[in-house]
Each structure stands twice: as C-alpha cells, then as structure tokens.
Amino acid sequence: MSTIQRIALVLTIIGAINWGLIGFFQFDLVAAIFGGQDSALSRIIYGLVGIAGLLNLGLLFKPNEQTAREPEARPTR
C-alpha cells in the first residue's frame, strides 16, 4: 500500500468517525474543531475526506495479494 493510499485510508476513517458522531449524537467534530461547517478550513477537510473516499474505491477492486499468489487447490485422485 502506497503512502497516498495510507493517508487516504486515515482520512476516510476520520470521515467515518465524524459521520458516526453526527448520526448518533448530532455532533460534527470537524466543525467543532475548525470553526463551523461554513469555515474555509472545515470545507477543506470535508473535501479532502471526500477525495480520500474516492481514492479508496481502488482498494475495493484491488485483488487480495494472498489469493492472487496462491494457486487453486485441486483434489487428488
């Protein structure tokens, strides 16, 4: 996994935690830290999380390295 993919994964996890807080407690952590939903910094964070989610779509379709390397087991007769 490349460094950019790791950063994207961390940002996606941050976004998921934020959405969980919004859903369960109606508390937007990003807005609370960075000055409200309309502040420029909050909007940048929201944008980065969105881009990170799009980058992580590639992980969804990436083959598992372990299954890609192992040949299929065939029964012996």
N, C-alpha and C. Protein backbone atom coordinates (compact mmCIF):
# COMPACT_ATOMS: atom_id res chain seq x y z
N MET A 1 0.86 -1.17 0.00
CA MET A 1 0.00 0.00 0.00
C MET A 1 0.90 1.23 0.00
N SER A 2 0.62 2.15 -0.88
CA SER A 2 1.45 3.34 -1.00
C SER A 2 1.12 4.34 0.11
N THR A 3 1.97 5.32 0.26
CA THR A 3 1.78 6.35 1.29
C THR A 3 0.50 7.13 1.05
N ILE A 4 0.21 7.44 -0.21
CA ILE A 4 -1.01 8.19 -0.52
C ILE A 4 -2.24 7.37 -0.16
N GLN A 5 -2.20 6.07 -0.41
CA GLN A 5 -3.33 5.21 -0.05
C GLN A 5 -3.51 5.15 1.46
N ARG A 6 -2.40 5.11 2.19
CA ARG A 6 -2.50 5.09 3.66
C ARG A 6 -3.09 6.40 4.19
N ILE A 7 -2.66 7.52 3.64
CA ILE A 7 -3.21 8.81 4.06
C ILE A 7 -4.70 8.88 3.72
N ALA A 8 -5.06 8.40 2.54
CA ALA A 8 -6.47 8.39 2.14
C ALA A 8 -7.28 7.50 3.07
N LEU A 9 -6.72 6.37 3.46
CA LEU A 9 -7.43 5.47 4.37
C LEU A 9 -7.64 6.13 5.73
N VAL A 10 -6.63 6.82 6.25
CA VAL A 10 -6.75 7.52 7.54
C VAL A 10 -7.82 8.61 7.43
N LEU A 11 -7.81 9.38 6.35
CA LEU A 11 -8.83 10.43 6.17
C LEU A 11 -10.23 9.83 6.06
N THR A 12 -10.34 8.69 5.40
CA THR A 12 -11.64 8.03 5.28
C THR A 12 -12.14 7.55 6.64
N ILE A 13 -11.23 7.05 7.46
CA ILE A 13 -11.61 6.62 8.81
C ILE A 13 -12.04 7.83 9.64
N ILE A 14 -11.32 8.93 9.53
CA ILE A 14 -11.72 10.16 10.23
C ILE A 14 -13.12 10.59 9.79
N GLY A 15 -13.37 10.53 8.49
CA GLY A 15 -14.69 10.88 7.98
C GLY A 15 -15.78 9.95 8.50
N ALA A 16 -15.46 8.66 8.58
CA ALA A 16 -16.44 7.69 9.09
C ALA A 16 -16.75 7.95 10.56
N ILE A 17 -15.72 8.26 11.33
CA ILE A 17 -15.95 8.58 12.75
C ILE A 17 -16.79 9.84 12.88
N ASN A 18 -16.50 10.84 12.07
CA ASN A 18 -17.28 12.08 12.11
C ASN A 18 -18.75 11.82 11.75
N TRP A 19 -18.98 11.02 10.70
CA TRP A 19 -20.36 10.70 10.33
C TRP A 19 -21.06 9.88 11.41
N GLY A 20 -20.33 9.02 12.08
CA GLY A 20 -20.92 8.28 13.20
C GLY A 20 -21.34 9.20 14.33
N LEU A 21 -20.47 10.17 14.64
CA LEU A 21 -20.82 11.15 15.67
C LEU A 21 -22.03 11.98 15.26
N ILE A 22 -22.10 12.34 13.99
CA ILE A 22 -23.25 13.11 13.51
C ILE A 22 -24.52 12.27 13.62
N GLY A 23 -24.43 11.02 13.20
CA GLY A 23 -25.61 10.15 13.20
C GLY A 23 -26.12 9.81 14.59
N PHE A 24 -25.20 9.51 15.49
CA PHE A 24 -25.62 9.07 16.83
C PHE A 24 -25.84 10.21 17.81
N PHE A 25 -25.05 11.27 17.70
CA PHE A 25 -25.09 12.32 18.72
C PHE A 25 -25.36 13.72 18.17
N GLN A 26 -25.57 13.86 16.87
CA GLN A 26 -25.76 15.15 16.21
C GLN A 26 -24.62 16.11 16.56
N PHE A 27 -23.40 15.58 16.54
CA PHE A 27 -22.21 16.37 16.86
C PHE A 27 -21.21 16.25 15.72
N ASP A 28 -20.91 17.37 15.09
CA ASP A 28 -19.97 17.41 13.97
C ASP A 28 -18.59 17.80 14.53
N LEU A 29 -17.72 16.81 14.70
CA LEU A 29 -16.41 17.04 15.29
C LEU A 29 -15.55 17.95 14.44
N VAL A 30 -15.57 17.78 13.13
CA VAL A 30 -14.76 18.63 12.24
C VAL A 30 -15.20 20.08 12.38
N ALA A 31 -16.49 20.32 12.37
CA ALA A 31 -17.00 21.70 12.51
C ALA A 31 -16.65 22.26 13.88
N ALA A 32 -16.71 21.43 14.92
CA ALA A 32 -16.39 21.90 16.26
C ALA A 32 -14.91 22.29 16.39
N ILE A 33 -14.04 21.53 15.74
CA ILE A 33 -12.60 21.81 15.85
C ILE A 33 -12.19 22.99 14.97
N PHE A 34 -12.75 23.06 13.76
CA PHE A 34 -12.26 24.02 12.78
C PHE A 34 -13.18 25.22 12.55
N GLY A 35 -14.14 25.47 13.43
CA GLY A 35 -14.88 26.73 13.39
C GLY A 35 -16.19 26.71 12.63
N GLY A 36 -16.91 25.62 12.63
CA GLY A 36 -18.21 25.57 11.98
C GLY A 36 -18.15 24.97 10.58
N GLN A 37 -19.31 24.55 10.11
CA GLN A 37 -19.38 23.90 8.80
C GLN A 37 -19.07 24.83 7.65
N ASP A 38 -19.27 26.11 7.82
CA ASP A 38 -19.07 27.07 6.73
C ASP A 38 -17.67 27.67 6.69
N SER A 39 -16.81 27.33 7.67
CA SER A 39 -15.47 27.89 7.66
C SER A 39 -14.66 27.24 6.53
N ALA A 40 -13.71 27.99 6.02
CA ALA A 40 -12.91 27.51 4.90
C ALA A 40 -12.13 26.26 5.27
N LEU A 41 -11.58 26.21 6.48
CA LEU A 41 -10.79 25.05 6.89
C LEU A 41 -11.66 23.80 7.01
N SER A 42 -12.86 23.93 7.53
CA SER A 42 -13.77 22.78 7.61
C SER A 42 -14.12 22.27 6.22
N ARG A 43 -14.38 23.19 5.31
CA ARG A 43 -14.72 22.79 3.94
C ARG A 43 -13.56 22.09 3.26
N ILE A 44 -12.33 22.52 3.56
CA ILE A 44 -11.15 21.85 3.01
C ILE A 44 -11.05 20.43 3.56
N ILE A 45 -11.28 20.27 4.87
CA ILE A 45 -11.23 18.94 5.49
C ILE A 45 -12.30 18.05 4.88
N TYR A 46 -13.53 18.57 4.74
CA TYR A 46 -14.60 17.78 4.13
C TYR A 46 -14.22 17.38 2.70
N GLY A 47 -13.63 18.29 1.95
CA GLY A 47 -13.20 17.98 0.59
C GLY A 47 -12.12 16.92 0.55
N LEU A 48 -11.13 17.02 1.45
CA LEU A 48 -10.07 16.02 1.50
C LEU A 48 -10.61 14.64 1.86
N VAL A 49 -11.56 14.60 2.78
CA VAL A 49 -12.17 13.32 3.15
C VAL A 49 -12.93 12.73 1.97
N GLY A 50 -13.62 13.58 1.21
CA GLY A 50 -14.33 13.11 0.03
C GLY A 50 -13.39 12.57 -1.04
N ILE A 51 -12.30 13.27 -1.28
CA ILE A 51 -11.30 12.80 -2.24
C ILE A 51 -10.68 11.49 -1.76
N ALA A 52 -10.41 11.40 -0.46
CA ALA A 52 -9.85 10.17 0.09
C ALA A 52 -10.79 8.99 -0.11
N GLY A 53 -12.07 9.23 0.05
CA GLY A 53 -13.05 8.16 -0.20
C GLY A 53 -13.01 7.69 -1.64
N LEU A 54 -12.87 8.63 -2.56
CA LEU A 54 -12.78 8.25 -3.97
C LEU A 54 -11.50 7.47 -4.26
N LEU A 55 -10.40 7.88 -3.66
CA LEU A 55 -9.14 7.14 -3.84
C LEU A 55 -9.24 5.73 -3.28
N ASN A 56 -9.98 5.57 -2.20
CA ASN A 56 -10.12 4.25 -1.60
C ASN A 56 -11.03 3.32 -2.39
N LEU A 57 -11.76 3.85 -3.34
CA LEU A 57 -12.55 2.96 -4.21
C LEU A 57 -11.65 1.97 -4.93
N GLY A 58 -10.43 2.39 -5.24
CA GLY A 58 -9.48 1.48 -5.88
C GLY A 58 -9.15 0.29 -5.02
N LEU A 59 -9.14 0.46 -3.69
CA LEU A 59 -8.87 -0.66 -2.79
C LEU A 59 -9.97 -1.70 -2.84
N LEU A 60 -11.17 -1.26 -3.14
CA LEU A 60 -12.31 -2.17 -3.21
C LEU A 60 -12.14 -3.20 -4.33
N PHE A 61 -11.52 -2.77 -5.41
CA PHE A 61 -11.38 -3.64 -6.57
C PHE A 61 -9.99 -4.24 -6.72
N LYS A 62 -9.10 -3.95 -5.78
CA LYS A 62 -7.75 -4.48 -5.82
C LYS A 62 -7.77 -5.94 -5.35
N PRO A 63 -7.17 -6.84 -6.12
CA PRO A 63 -7.20 -8.25 -5.69
C PRO A 63 -6.36 -8.45 -4.43
N ASN A 64 -6.79 -9.37 -3.62
CA ASN A 64 -6.05 -9.71 -2.42
C ASN A 64 -4.74 -10.37 -2.83
N GLU A 65 -3.61 -9.91 -2.30
CA GLU A 65 -2.31 -10.44 -2.71
C GLU A 65 -2.17 -11.91 -2.38
N GLN A 66 -2.73 -12.34 -1.27
CA GLN A 66 -2.60 -13.73 -0.87
C GLN A 66 -3.36 -14.65 -1.82
N THR A 67 -4.56 -14.27 -2.20
CA THR A 67 -5.33 -15.12 -3.11
C THR A 67 -4.80 -15.03 -4.53
N ALA A 68 -4.18 -13.92 -4.88
CA ALA A 68 -3.63 -13.78 -6.22
C ALA A 68 -2.39 -14.64 -6.41
N ARG A 69 -1.62 -14.88 -5.35
CA ARG A 69 -0.39 -15.64 -5.46
C ARG A 69 -0.59 -17.14 -5.32
N GLU A 70 -1.56 -17.56 -4.54
CA GLU A 70 -1.76 -18.99 -4.28
C GLU A 70 -2.53 -19.64 -5.42
N PRO A 71 -2.00 -20.74 -5.95
CA PRO A 71 -2.76 -21.46 -6.99
C PRO A 71 -3.98 -22.15 -6.36
N GLU A 72 -4.95 -22.40 -7.17
CA GLU A 72 -6.16 -23.03 -6.69
C GLU A 72 -5.86 -24.48 -6.32
N ALA A 73 -6.33 -24.90 -5.14
CA ALA A 73 -6.11 -26.27 -4.69
C ALA A 73 -7.04 -27.21 -5.45
N ARG A 74 -6.47 -28.28 -5.98
CA ARG A 74 -7.28 -29.25 -6.72
C ARG A 74 -7.21 -30.58 -5.99
N PRO A 75 -8.33 -31.26 -5.91
CA PRO A 75 -8.33 -32.57 -5.23
C PRO A 75 -7.51 -33.59 -6.04
N THR A 76 -6.81 -34.43 -5.32
CA THR A 76 -6.05 -35.51 -5.98
C THR A 76 -6.88 -36.77 -6.00
N ARG A 77 -6.63 -37.61 -7.02
CA ARG A 77 -7.39 -38.86 -7.12
C ARG A 77 -6.52 -40.04 -6.88
